[in-house]
């Protein structure tokens, strides 16, 4: 009488894989270092204020806003026709 192969514990295609394809150790990423002695409720330092915008940058931003507004107006007019 022929010997029966042992019944695999797992069902499905992975249960039928050869032993050399079985569980392999996976590489783990190192843990992030924890903050020393701090708590979540600790007072945060205020963020430094942004540098004052120069006049040149302010003019550029306003010009871009006007150009965008006019472009959108043209698109809406073109859709109406």
Protein backbone atom coordinates (compact mmCIF):
# COMPACT_ATOMS: atom_id res chain seq x y z
CA UNK A 1 0.00 0.00 0.00
CA UNK A 2 1.49 3.42 -0.99
CA UNK A 3 2.25 5.97 1.71
CA UNK A 4 0.03 9.02 1.81
CA UNK A 5 1.69 12.44 1.91
CA UNK A 6 0.97 14.37 5.11
CA UNK A 7 -1.98 16.75 4.92
CA UNK A 8 -0.73 20.35 4.80
CA UNK A 9 -1.77 22.56 7.70
CA UNK A 10 -2.56 25.44 5.39
CA UNK A 11 -5.01 25.43 2.54
CA UNK A 12 -4.60 27.25 -0.73
CA UNK A 13 -1.59 27.79 -2.98
CA UNK A 14 0.81 28.80 -0.20
CA UNK A 15 0.15 25.53 1.62
CA UNK A 16 1.38 23.67 -1.45
CA UNK A 17 4.70 25.53 -1.74
CA UNK A 18 7.94 23.60 -1.18
CA UNK A 19 9.62 24.02 2.19
CA UNK A 20 12.49 26.09 0.74
CA UNK A 21 9.94 28.69 -0.38
CA UNK A 22 8.31 28.82 3.02
CA UNK A 23 8.68 31.36 5.77
CA UNK A 24 11.76 33.51 5.40
CA UNK A 25 12.88 36.15 7.86
CA UNK A 26 12.07 39.64 6.66
CA UNK A 27 14.33 42.60 7.16
CA UNK A 28 13.02 45.03 9.75
CA UNK A 29 13.68 48.77 9.73
CA UNK A 30 15.41 50.15 12.81
CA UNK A 31 13.21 51.82 15.39
CA UNK A 32 13.13 55.59 15.48
CA UNK A 33 14.84 57.09 18.51
CA UNK A 34 12.42 58.34 21.14
CA UNK A 35 12.52 61.84 22.55
CA UNK A 36 14.37 61.93 25.85
CA UNK A 37 12.46 63.09 28.89
CA UNK A 38 9.75 64.91 26.95
CA UNK A 39 6.03 64.49 27.00
CA UNK A 40 3.43 65.19 24.36
CA UNK A 41 1.85 67.94 26.43
CA UNK A 42 5.06 69.88 26.79
CA UNK A 43 4.89 73.52 25.70
CA UNK A 44 6.08 73.95 22.13
CA UNK A 45 8.44 76.68 21.07
CA UNK A 46 6.77 79.37 18.98
CA UNK A 47 7.54 79.14 15.28
CA UNK A 48 9.74 81.91 13.96
CA UNK A 49 7.80 84.59 12.09
CA UNK A 50 8.11 84.67 8.32
CA UNK A 51 10.35 87.33 6.90
CA UNK A 52 8.47 90.41 5.77
CA UNK A 53 7.53 90.20 2.10
CA UNK A 54 9.47 92.62 -0.04
CA UNK A 55 7.61 95.08 -2.24
CA UNK A 56 8.81 93.28 -5.37
CA UNK A 57 7.41 89.94 -4.15
CA UNK A 58 4.12 91.56 -3.11
CA UNK A 59 3.71 93.20 -6.55
CA UNK A 60 4.47 89.87 -8.25
CA UNK A 61 1.85 88.07 -6.14
CA UNK A 62 -0.82 90.70 -6.85
CA UNK A 63 -0.04 90.62 -10.58
CA UNK A 64 -0.34 86.80 -10.58
CA UNK A 65 -3.69 87.00 -8.78
CA UNK A 66 -5.06 89.52 -11.31
CA UNK A 67 -3.80 87.46 -14.25
CA UNK A 68 -5.40 84.30 -12.84
CA UNK A 69 -8.70 86.11 -12.27
CA UNK A 70 -8.75 87.44 -15.85
CA UNK A 71 -7.88 84.02 -17.25
CA UNK A 72 -10.74 82.38 -15.37
CA UNK A 73 -13.11 85.11 -16.55
CA UNK A 74 -12.09 84.43 -20.17
CA UNK A 75 -12.64 80.69 -19.69
CA UNK A 76 -16.14 81.24 -18.28
CA UNK A 77 -17.03 83.58 -21.16
CA UNK A 78 -15.77 81.03 -23.69
CA UNK A 79 -17.95 78.30 -22.16
CA UNK A 80 -21.06 80.47 -22.38
CA UNK A 81 -20.68 80.87 -26.14
